[in-house]
Amino acid sequence: MGRWGDGEEQSKIQNPKSKISSPPHLTSLTSVSQPSIEVLDELLNLARMGAVLEIQERVTQLERSDSQLAVFAAQVRQLTDSFQVRQLQELLQRSKTSSS
């Protein structure tokens, strides 16, 4: 494991995007059922506020009301579980764009 001087952490700082890129299953939204634009707007507003718990609760409600949203819910949950709010906002924005 790395100590600060061994270059491992330094490379992460110099090139942070190399470790943060979205996994492939989070970037392909065309085959994933998505909630309505209104719900996506609601989730996006919550994400902008950093309201992770509220997003998780809302996604759970969505999943219970429509089982076809399970994949979408899993994608959102994966990001909220690791507090990746910026990536969540990007996912929600891409979802809105692909829904319009």
Protein backbone atom coordinates (compact mmCIF):
# COMPACT_ATOMS: atom_id res chain seq x y z
CA MET A 1 0.00 0.00 0.00
CA GLY A 2 1.17 3.46 -0.63
CA ARG A 3 2.92 5.95 1.52
CA TRP A 4 2.72 9.57 0.43
CA GLY A 5 6.23 9.55 -0.97
CA ASP A 6 5.87 6.45 -3.17
CA GLY A 7 4.06 8.23 -6.00
CA GLU A 8 0.77 6.31 -5.82
CA GLU A 9 -1.18 9.04 -4.07
CA GLN A 10 0.69 11.70 -6.01
CA SER A 11 -0.45 10.20 -9.31
CA LYS A 12 -4.05 10.20 -8.07
CA ILE A 13 -3.77 13.90 -7.29
CA GLN A 14 -2.11 14.79 -10.58
CA ASN A 15 -4.58 12.78 -12.65
CA PRO A 16 -7.75 12.47 -10.55
CA LYS A 17 -10.05 11.65 -13.48
CA SER A 18 -8.24 8.39 -14.12
CA LYS A 19 -9.80 6.96 -10.95
CA ILE A 20 -13.19 8.72 -11.10
CA SER A 21 -14.52 7.89 -14.54
CA SER A 22 -18.04 6.53 -14.62
CA PRO A 23 -18.37 2.77 -14.87
CA PRO A 24 -19.76 1.66 -18.24
CA HIS A 25 -23.06 0.50 -16.74
CA LEU A 26 -23.69 4.04 -15.50
CA THR A 27 -23.14 5.70 -18.84
CA SER A 28 -25.53 3.73 -21.04
CA LEU A 29 -29.05 4.93 -20.34
CA THR A 30 -30.83 4.12 -23.57
CA SER A 31 -32.00 0.67 -22.51
CA VAL A 32 -32.82 1.62 -18.91
CA SER A 33 -36.37 2.56 -17.92
CA GLN A 34 -36.37 6.00 -16.40
CA PRO A 35 -38.82 8.02 -14.35
CA SER A 36 -40.67 11.01 -15.76
CA ILE A 37 -38.96 14.32 -16.46
CA GLU A 38 -40.72 15.77 -13.40
CA VAL A 39 -39.25 13.08 -11.14
CA LEU A 40 -35.81 13.50 -12.72
CA ASP A 41 -36.07 17.25 -12.04
CA GLU A 42 -37.01 16.54 -8.42
CA LEU A 43 -34.05 14.16 -8.00
CA LEU A 44 -31.70 16.59 -9.69
CA ASN A 45 -32.80 19.41 -7.36
CA LEU A 46 -32.24 17.14 -4.36
CA ALA A 47 -28.80 16.20 -5.71
CA ARG A 48 -27.88 19.87 -6.12
CA MET A 49 -28.76 20.37 -2.44
CA GLY A 50 -26.74 17.28 -1.47
CA ALA A 51 -29.85 15.65 0.00
CA VAL A 52 -28.57 12.09 -0.32
CA LEU A 53 -30.98 10.50 2.18
CA GLU A 54 -33.99 12.11 0.52
CA ILE A 55 -32.80 10.87 -2.87
CA GLN A 56 -32.44 7.34 -1.52
CA GLU A 57 -35.93 7.46 -0.02
CA ARG A 58 -37.44 8.79 -3.26
CA VAL A 59 -35.67 6.17 -5.37
CA THR A 60 -36.93 3.43 -3.07
CA GLN A 61 -40.48 4.75 -3.53
CA LEU A 62 -40.03 4.81 -7.29
CA GLU A 63 -38.71 1.27 -7.35
CA ARG A 64 -41.64 0.02 -5.27
CA SER A 65 -44.15 1.75 -7.52
CA ASP A 66 -42.58 0.57 -10.79
CA SER A 67 -40.31 -2.48 -10.89
CA GLN A 68 -39.06 -1.43 -14.34
CA LEU A 69 -37.15 1.36 -12.61
CA ALA A 70 -35.01 -1.13 -10.66
CA VAL A 71 -31.90 -0.66 -12.83
CA PHE A 72 -32.21 3.13 -12.71
CA ALA A 73 -32.73 2.94 -8.93
CA ALA A 74 -29.65 0.73 -8.54
CA GLN A 75 -27.54 3.20 -10.51
CA VAL A 76 -28.71 6.11 -8.36
CA ARG A 77 -28.29 4.10 -5.17
CA GLN A 78 -24.73 3.12 -6.09
CA LEU A 79 -23.80 6.78 -6.45
CA THR A 80 -25.61 7.94 -3.32
CA ASP A 81 -24.14 5.12 -1.23
CA SER A 82 -20.67 6.42 -2.05
CA PHE A 83 -21.70 10.12 -1.88
CA GLN A 84 -20.74 10.74 -5.51
CA VAL A 85 -23.10 13.69 -5.84
CA ARG A 86 -21.47 15.22 -8.90
CA GLN A 87 -21.63 11.93 -10.80
CA LEU A 88 -25.25 11.55 -9.67
CA GLN A 89 -26.07 14.99 -11.06
CA GLU A 90 -24.45 14.02 -14.34
CA LEU A 91 -26.43 10.76 -14.48
CA LEU A 92 -29.71 12.56 -13.80
CA GLN A 93 -28.94 15.25 -16.37
CA ARG A 94 -28.12 12.61 -19.01
CA SER A 95 -31.35 10.82 -18.11
CA LYS A 96 -33.33 14.00 -18.64
CA THR A 97 -31.62 14.62 -21.98
CA SER A 98 -32.30 11.09 -23.22
CA SER A 99 -35.94 11.31 -22.10
CA SER A 100 -36.71 14.49 -24.03
